[in-house]
């Protein structure tokens, strides 16, 4: 393996990657924007078709859009890996025009979605392209999944992950880089998240003339909010949060309804979900005011990404590749959740944070550090080359 040649090719493709990210950033592609997603998919597939031997499939879901499944499948392959990043953003229609991409004097590319997670597409696709051109691809089936609904909890792409990733030895996810005091962090642990809502029905009454005939839903909700926050476990860093909160009509009327939405974040293992779900269900099991009724609903936004032997092995590959490039790469844990969590849930070990350095994720200040695009492309190309 000629590491210098990998570096030369990565540097040679950098301008193309930057232009690609500019093109992506000029397209509105919020989750559920089917039209914007289609435009983004067309751009991505144009890049993927330049990789020799690739087969591209699509899975379309009404209301979200199209997921790309691109596969390279050698004859007599001896394993299977998955590469993943998402193509949706959190920005509504009109934002791409309002905040157009540009490069500043410090070599940052500003653009909505460039760090989360179009930069991950650019790194993964071009790393495979370079490895293919140099004859360095491992003798494995490579499944590249680019999804369109990660920002809303991967509500349809989960089905794609479960089907396409079956039998894979590891999933490599290209969310943005994690930098450590020593160099570069590859994530092999992430925490899970539950989202939910509590609806309370009370009894309306005139707040002056018939106050005692009423049963205040907002008062009942106040008790529920305090109960929710009592579940916080600061030692284990498991946090419950209520927002937004609403209820009632004019203040002259005892509130007949109230609602809070909430999340439980920081669940360290998939076993810990049972405890959180029991806490959440308890919110509706009894009321301070028996004249009120409560109903709770909830769903898993992301399960937990748990450490595994296969994930540790993938981190070792990243560390070895880093040494060949003069980089220090180490395994780290992160509290936030990504699609790496879903691969773990479906039985596929995963590591994450293989994309470029970004700043301002989910804000209109989002930007990617251009030199890190080449750096991470080089890293994953070498990882592909040394995989056994």
Protein backbone atom coordinates (compact mmCIF):
# COMPACT_ATOMS: atom_id res chain seq x y z
CA UNK A 1 0.00 0.00 0.00
CA UNK A 2 1.36 3.38 -1.05
CA UNK A 3 0.17 5.83 1.60
CA UNK A 4 1.66 8.76 -0.28
CA UNK A 5 -0.39 7.87 -3.36
CA UNK A 6 -3.55 7.80 -1.22
CA UNK A 7 -2.71 11.27 0.07
CA UNK A 8 -2.09 12.56 -3.44
CA UNK A 9 -5.41 11.25 -4.72
CA UNK A 10 -7.29 12.61 -1.70
CA UNK A 11 -5.74 16.03 -2.23
CA UNK A 12 -6.54 15.77 -5.91
CA UNK A 13 -10.22 15.12 -5.23
CA UNK A 14 -10.58 17.81 -2.56
CA UNK A 15 -11.79 20.55 -4.91
CA UNK A 16 -14.39 18.16 -6.29
CA UNK A 17 -15.54 17.31 -2.77
CA UNK A 18 -15.81 20.99 -1.87
CA UNK A 19 -17.87 21.73 -4.98
CA UNK A 20 -20.06 18.75 -4.16
CA UNK A 21 -20.72 20.12 -0.68
CA UNK A 22 -21.55 23.53 -2.12
CA UNK A 23 -24.06 21.89 -4.44
CA UNK A 24 -25.61 19.97 -1.55
CA UNK A 25 -25.80 23.09 0.62
CA UNK A 26 -27.73 24.95 -2.08
CA UNK A 27 -30.57 22.40 -1.90
CA UNK A 28 -33.31 22.54 0.72
CA UNK A 29 -33.56 18.98 2.05
CA UNK A 30 -35.19 19.02 5.46
CA UNK A 31 -36.47 15.66 6.68
CA UNK A 32 -39.87 15.01 5.00
CA UNK A 33 -39.00 17.31 2.07
CA UNK A 34 -39.48 14.67 -0.63
CA UNK A 35 -38.71 17.05 -3.49
CA UNK A 36 -35.50 18.33 -1.90
CA UNK A 37 -34.49 14.82 -1.03
CA UNK A 38 -34.90 13.75 -4.66
CA UNK A 39 -32.58 16.53 -5.82
CA UNK A 40 -30.02 15.54 -3.18
CA UNK A 41 -30.23 11.86 -4.13
CA UNK A 42 -29.62 12.70 -7.79
CA UNK A 43 -26.45 14.62 -6.87
CA UNK A 44 -25.21 11.82 -4.62
CA UNK A 45 -25.88 9.09 -7.16
CA UNK A 46 -23.95 10.98 -9.83
CA UNK A 47 -20.88 10.69 -7.60
CA UNK A 48 -21.50 7.06 -6.69
CA UNK A 49 -21.78 6.04 -10.35
CA UNK A 50 -18.14 7.03 -10.86
CA UNK A 51 -17.07 4.12 -8.61
CA UNK A 52 -16.26 1.01 -10.60
CA UNK A 53 -18.53 -1.99 -10.07
CA UNK A 54 -21.11 -0.23 -7.93
CA UNK A 55 -24.79 -1.18 -7.99
CA UNK A 56 -27.30 1.44 -6.85
CA UNK A 57 -30.77 0.73 -5.48
CA UNK A 58 -33.36 3.05 -3.97
CA UNK A 59 -36.01 2.57 -1.29
CA UNK A 60 -38.76 5.20 -1.32
CA UNK A 61 -41.09 5.92 1.58
CA UNK A 62 -44.08 8.21 1.15
CA UNK A 63 -43.72 11.34 3.24
CA UNK A 64 -39.97 11.08 3.84
CA UNK A 65 -38.24 10.31 0.56
CA UNK A 66 -35.62 8.04 -0.94
CA UNK A 67 -32.83 6.11 0.75
CA UNK A 68 -29.82 5.09 -1.35
CA UNK A 69 -28.35 1.59 -1.05
CA UNK A 70 -25.15 1.35 -3.12
CA UNK A 71 -23.33 -1.98 -3.15
CA UNK A 72 -19.97 -3.33 -4.27
CA UNK A 73 -19.99 -7.12 -4.12
CA UNK A 74 -16.84 -9.00 -5.15
CA UNK A 75 -17.05 -12.63 -6.19
CA UNK A 76 -16.12 -14.99 -3.36
CA UNK A 77 -16.10 -12.16 -0.83
CA UNK A 78 -15.30 -13.07 2.76
CA UNK A 79 -17.30 -10.55 4.73
CA UNK A 80 -19.62 -7.56 4.66
CA UNK A 81 -19.36 -3.99 5.97
CA UNK A 82 -21.77 -1.06 5.95
CA UNK A 83 -20.99 2.62 5.39
CA UNK A 84 -23.58 5.20 6.38
CA UNK A 85 -24.35 8.89 6.52
CA UNK A 86 -27.60 10.81 6.15
CA UNK A 87 -28.61 13.36 3.54
CA UNK A 88 -31.41 15.24 5.34
CA UNK A 89 -31.06 18.45 7.34
CA UNK A 90 -33.02 20.34 10.01
CA UNK A 91 -33.51 23.47 7.88
CA UNK A 92 -36.90 24.31 6.29
CA UNK A 93 -37.56 25.44 2.74
CA UNK A 94 -35.99 28.76 1.84
CA UNK A 95 -33.00 28.46 4.17
CA UNK A 96 -30.62 27.23 1.46
CA UNK A 97 -31.21 30.41 -0.52
CA UNK A 98 -31.11 32.60 2.59
CA UNK A 99 -27.79 31.09 3.77
CA UNK A 100 -25.81 30.23 0.63
CA UNK A 101 -22.51 28.35 0.87
CA UNK A 102 -19.19 30.23 0.90
CA UNK A 103 -15.56 29.73 1.93
CA UNK A 104 -14.05 32.08 4.50
CA UNK A 105 -10.47 33.28 4.94
CA UNK A 106 -9.68 30.50 7.45
CA UNK A 107 -10.51 27.67 5.03
CA UNK A 108 -13.93 26.80 6.41
CA UNK A 109 -16.74 25.94 4.03
CA UNK A 110 -19.96 27.43 5.36
CA UNK A 111 -23.16 25.69 4.29
CA UNK A 112 -26.27 24.16 5.80
CA UNK A 113 -25.90 20.42 6.24
CA UNK A 114 -22.24 20.35 5.22
CA UNK A 115 -21.15 18.99 8.59
CA UNK A 116 -24.32 17.09 9.41
CA UNK A 117 -23.95 15.03 7.37
CA UNK A 118 -23.10 15.78 3.72
CA UNK A 119 -19.42 15.93 4.64
CA UNK A 120 -19.78 12.32 5.73
CA UNK A 121 -21.09 11.39 2.31
CA UNK A 122 -18.16 13.14 0.62
CA UNK A 123 -15.60 11.35 2.81
CA UNK A 124 -17.13 7.87 2.54
CA UNK A 125 -17.88 7.96 -1.18
CA UNK A 126 -14.48 9.33 -2.19
CA UNK A 127 -12.60 6.99 0.15
CA UNK A 128 -14.25 4.03 -1.56
CA UNK A 129 -13.55 5.62 -4.94
CA UNK A 130 -9.85 6.10 -4.17
CA UNK A 131 -9.46 2.62 -2.70
CA UNK A 132 -11.15 1.18 -5.79
CA UNK A 133 -8.90 3.09 -8.17
CA UNK A 134 -5.80 1.89 -6.31
CA UNK A 135 -6.99 -1.71 -6.01
CA UNK A 136 -7.13 -1.44 -2.22
CA UNK A 137 -10.74 -2.38 -1.49
CA UNK A 138 -11.08 -5.28 0.95
CA UNK A 139 -12.52 -8.57 -0.30
CA UNK A 140 -15.82 -7.73 1.33
CA UNK A 141 -19.29 -6.76 0.24
CA UNK A 142 -19.53 -3.01 0.84
CA UNK A 143 -23.03 -1.63 1.41
CA UNK A 144 -23.26 2.17 1.38
CA UNK A 145 -26.51 3.46 2.88
CA UNK A 146 -27.39 7.14 2.53
CA UNK A 147 -30.65 7.92 4.31
CA UNK A 148 -33.09 10.82 4.33
CA UNK A 149 -34.72 10.89 7.77
CA UNK A 150 -32.01 10.70 10.46
CA UNK A 151 -32.96 14.09 11.88
CA UNK A 152 -36.42 12.78 12.82
CA UNK A 153 -35.21 9.52 14.34
CA UNK A 154 -34.75 7.41 11.19
CA UNK A 155 -38.40 6.42 11.23
CA UNK A 156 -38.26 4.76 7.80
CA UNK A 157 -34.53 4.18 7.28
CA UNK A 158 -34.55 1.76 10.22
CA UNK A 159 -36.21 -0.73 7.87
CA UNK A 160 -33.40 -0.22 5.36
CA UNK A 161 -30.74 -0.68 8.04
CA UNK A 162 -32.29 -3.88 9.35
CA UNK A 163 -32.54 -5.40 5.87
CA UNK A 164 -29.34 -4.19 4.21
CA UNK A 165 -27.08 -4.57 7.23
CA UNK A 166 -28.05 -8.15 8.05
CA UNK A 167 -24.90 -10.25 8.39
CA UNK A 168 -22.52 -7.27 8.40
CA UNK A 169 -19.46 -7.45 10.64
CA UNK A 170 -19.40 -3.70 11.29
CA UNK A 171 -21.07 -0.44 10.32
CA UNK A 172 -18.91 2.64 9.77
CA UNK A 173 -20.87 5.85 10.29
CA UNK A 174 -19.67 9.21 8.99
CA UNK A 175 -21.01 11.80 11.36
CA UNK A 176 -18.57 14.66 12.00
CA UNK A 177 -15.18 14.15 13.63
CA UNK A 178 -14.52 14.16 17.35
CA UNK A 179 -11.24 15.81 18.30
CA UNK A 180 -9.45 14.84 21.53
CA UNK A 181 -6.44 16.17 23.43
CA UNK A 182 -4.35 13.50 21.72
CA UNK A 183 -5.73 13.82 18.19
CA UNK A 184 -8.77 12.12 16.72
CA UNK A 185 -11.58 10.22 18.44
CA UNK A 186 -13.55 7.39 16.87
CA UNK A 187 -16.85 6.86 18.67
CA UNK A 188 -17.78 3.35 19.81
CA UNK A 189 -20.34 4.30 22.47
CA UNK A 190 -23.36 6.59 22.20
CA UNK A 191 -26.38 7.02 24.45
CA UNK A 192 -30.04 6.45 23.66
CA UNK A 193 -33.02 8.81 23.64
CA UNK A 194 -36.77 8.45 24.24
CA UNK A 195 -39.30 11.09 23.15
CA UNK A 196 -42.80 11.31 24.58
CA UNK A 197 -45.87 13.37 25.40
CA UNK A 198 -48.31 13.54 28.30
CA UNK A 199 -51.89 14.74 27.75
CA UNK A 200 -54.11 15.63 30.69
CA UNK A 201 -57.87 16.14 30.67
CA UNK A 202 -59.45 18.19 33.43
CA UNK A 203 -62.82 19.87 33.90
CA UNK A 204 -63.40 23.47 32.85
CA UNK A 205 -65.21 25.86 35.15
CA UNK A 206 -65.50 29.60 35.71
CA UNK A 207 -62.39 30.59 37.65
CA UNK A 208 -64.39 32.94 39.90
CA UNK A 209 -67.99 31.82 40.02
CA UNK A 210 -67.54 28.02 39.91
CA UNK A 211 -63.90 27.41 40.76
CA UNK A 212 -64.47 24.38 42.97
CA UNK A 213 -66.45 22.66 40.22
CA UNK A 214 -63.36 22.63 38.04
CA UNK A 215 -60.41 20.28 37.95
CA UNK A 216 -57.33 22.05 36.64
CA UNK A 217 -55.35 20.17 34.01
CA UNK A 218 -52.50 22.69 34.26
CA UNK A 219 -52.22 22.20 38.04
CA UNK A 220 -52.12 18.45 37.49
CA UNK A 221 -49.48 18.97 34.82
CA UNK A 222 -47.34 20.92 37.30
CA UNK A 223 -47.24 17.84 39.53
CA UNK A 224 -46.32 15.68 36.52
CA UNK A 225 -43.50 17.99 35.50
CA UNK A 226 -41.97 17.83 38.97
CA UNK A 227 -42.32 14.05 38.92
CA UNK A 228 -40.62 13.84 35.54
CA UNK A 229 -37.64 15.85 36.77
CA UNK A 230 -37.40 13.67 39.88
CA UNK A 231 -36.33 10.81 37.60
CA UNK A 232 -33.06 12.58 36.69
CA UNK A 233 -30.06 10.46 37.58
CA UNK A 234 -27.12 12.83 37.69
CA UNK A 235 -24.60 10.17 38.64
CA UNK A 236 -25.41 8.10 35.53
CA UNK A 237 -26.01 11.24 33.42
CA UNK A 238 -29.57 10.21 32.49
CA UNK A 239 -31.68 13.34 32.06
CA UNK A 240 -35.41 14.01 31.66
CA UNK A 241 -36.61 17.30 30.21
CA UNK A 242 -40.10 18.75 29.65
CA UNK A 243 -40.67 21.10 26.68
CA UNK A 244 -42.80 22.49 25.19
CA UNK A 245 -45.60 22.84 27.75
CA UNK A 246 -49.11 24.13 27.08
CA UNK A 247 -52.64 24.11 28.48
CA UNK A 248 -55.95 25.80 29.12
CA UNK A 249 -57.85 28.64 27.53
CA UNK A 250 -58.25 32.20 28.96
CA UNK A 251 -57.08 32.64 32.53
CA UNK A 252 -60.66 33.13 33.68
CA UNK A 253 -61.35 29.46 33.00
CA UNK A 254 -60.04 26.50 35.01
CA UNK A 255 -57.93 24.60 32.46
CA UNK A 256 -59.67 21.62 30.93
CA UNK A 257 -56.60 20.33 29.11
CA UNK A 258 -52.81 20.45 29.33
CA UNK A 259 -49.89 18.87 27.53
CA UNK A 260 -46.17 18.49 27.85
CA UNK A 261 -43.72 16.93 25.48
CA UNK A 262 -40.57 15.47 26.98
CA UNK A 263 -37.40 13.54 26.34
CA UNK A 264 -35.26 11.13 28.27
CA UNK A 265 -31.65 11.40 27.09
CA UNK A 266 -28.42 9.70 28.07
CA UNK A 267 -29.59 6.08 28.31
CA UNK A 268 -26.28 4.18 28.43
CA UNK A 269 -27.40 0.68 27.39
CA UNK A 270 -30.41 -0.82 25.72
CA UNK A 271 -31.24 -2.59 29.01
CA UNK A 272 -31.60 0.82 30.65
CA UNK A 273 -34.60 1.63 28.43
CA UNK A 274 -36.88 -0.64 30.51
CA UNK A 275 -36.28 1.46 33.63
CA UNK A 276 -36.89 4.71 31.74
CA UNK A 277 -40.06 3.37 30.14
CA UNK A 278 -41.38 2.33 33.57
CA UNK A 279 -40.73 5.84 34.86
CA UNK A 280 -42.53 7.34 31.88
CA UNK A 281 -45.56 5.05 32.21
CA UNK A 282 -45.85 5.95 35.88
CA UNK A 283 -46.69 9.53 34.90
CA UNK A 284 -50.17 8.40 33.88
CA UNK A 285 -50.78 5.71 36.51
CA UNK A 286 -52.25 8.06 39.12
CA UNK A 287 -53.19 11.72 39.49
CA UNK A 288 -53.02 14.18 42.38
CA UNK A 289 -56.51 15.30 41.36
CA UNK A 290 -58.78 12.28 40.71
CA UNK A 291 -60.97 14.54 38.59
CA UNK A 292 -58.22 14.63 35.96
CA UNK A 293 -57.14 11.87 33.60
CA UNK A 294 -53.71 11.39 32.03
CA UNK A 295 -52.44 9.61 28.94
CA UNK A 296 -48.75 9.15 28.07
CA UNK A 297 -47.24 8.14 24.75
CA UNK A 298 -43.57 7.65 23.90
CA UNK A 299 -41.18 6.19 21.35
CA UNK A 300 -37.51 5.41 21.01
CA UNK A 301 -35.80 8.16 19.03
CA UNK A 302 -32.46 6.34 19.14
CA UNK A 303 -31.40 3.20 21.02
CA UNK A 304 -27.97 3.06 22.65
CA UNK A 305 -24.75 2.29 20.79
CA UNK A 306 -22.97 -0.18 23.06
CA UNK A 307 -19.33 -1.20 23.05
CA UNK A 308 -18.58 -4.55 21.45
CA UNK A 309 -15.57 -6.68 20.57
CA UNK A 310 -16.18 -6.11 16.86
CA UNK A 311 -16.50 -2.38 17.44
CA UNK A 312 -13.24 -2.40 19.39
CA UNK A 313 -11.59 -4.23 16.49
CA UNK A 314 -12.85 -1.55 14.08
CA UNK A 315 -11.40 1.12 16.36
CA UNK A 316 -8.08 -0.72 16.27
CA UNK A 317 -8.19 -0.62 12.46
CA UNK A 318 -8.79 3.15 12.68
CA UNK A 319 -5.88 3.50 15.12
CA UNK A 320 -3.56 1.47 12.87
CA UNK A 321 -4.58 3.52 9.83
CA UNK A 322 -3.95 6.70 11.79
CA UNK A 323 -0.42 5.61 12.65
CA UNK A 324 0.34 5.07 8.97
CA UNK A 325 -0.82 8.64 8.34
CA UNK A 326 0.90 10.16 11.37
CA UNK A 327 -2.36 10.60 13.30
CA UNK A 328 -3.30 9.55 16.83
CA UNK A 329 -6.71 7.87 16.72
CA UNK A 330 -8.41 6.58 19.87
CA UNK A 331 -11.81 5.18 20.86
CA UNK A 332 -14.11 7.60 22.71
CA UNK A 333 -17.66 7.70 24.07
CA UNK A 334 -20.16 10.43 23.18
CA UNK A 335 -23.54 11.20 24.79
CA UNK A 336 -25.33 12.18 21.57
CA UNK A 337 -27.14 9.69 19.32
CA UNK A 338 -26.82 8.92 15.59
CA UNK A 339 -27.71 6.14 13.17
CA UNK A 340 -24.79 4.16 14.57
CA UNK A 341 -27.16 3.46 17.46
CA UNK A 342 -29.70 1.84 15.14
CA UNK A 343 -27.12 -0.46 13.58
CA UNK A 344 -26.18 -1.62 17.07
CA UNK A 345 -29.87 -2.20 17.85
CA UNK A 346 -30.14 -4.46 14.80
CA UNK A 347 -27.14 -6.49 15.89
CA UNK A 348 -24.43 -4.82 13.80
CA UNK A 349 -21.41 -3.45 15.73
CA UNK A 350 -20.74 0.16 14.77
CA UNK A 351 -18.23 2.97 15.11
CA UNK A 352 -18.86 6.59 14.27
CA UNK A 353 -17.42 10.09 13.75
CA UNK A 354 -15.54 9.33 10.54
CA UNK A 355 -16.63 12.54 8.82
CA UNK A 356 -14.81 15.90 8.64
CA UNK A 357 -14.49 18.54 11.35
CA UNK A 358 -17.54 20.77 11.64
CA UNK A 359 -18.80 23.67 13.72
CA UNK A 360 -22.33 24.98 14.33
CA UNK A 361 -24.29 21.82 13.64
CA UNK A 362 -28.07 22.46 13.38
CA UNK A 363 -27.52 26.22 13.23
CA UNK A 364 -27.23 28.68 10.36
CA UNK A 365 -23.52 29.00 11.26
CA UNK A 366 -22.79 25.41 10.20
CA UNK A 367 -19.42 24.95 8.52
CA UNK A 368 -16.79 22.31 7.68
CA UNK A 369 -13.02 22.67 7.94
CA UNK A 370 -11.81 21.97 4.41
CA UNK A 371 -8.43 20.34 5.22
CA UNK A 372 -10.22 17.80 7.42
CA UNK A 373 -12.15 16.53 4.40
CA UNK A 374 -8.90 15.24 2.89
CA UNK A 375 -7.63 14.03 6.25
CA UNK A 376 -10.69 11.88 6.93
CA UNK A 377 -10.85 10.65 3.33
CA UNK A 378 -7.24 9.49 3.66
CA UNK A 379 -7.97 7.82 7.00
CA UNK A 380 -10.89 5.76 5.77
CA UNK A 381 -9.14 4.85 2.52
CA UNK A 382 -6.28 3.39 4.56
CA UNK A 383 -8.79 1.66 6.85
CA UNK A 384 -10.34 -0.03 3.83
CA UNK A 385 -6.90 -1.08 2.62
CA UNK A 386 -5.92 -2.80 5.87
CA UNK A 387 -9.21 -4.49 6.70
CA UNK A 388 -8.94 -8.27 7.01
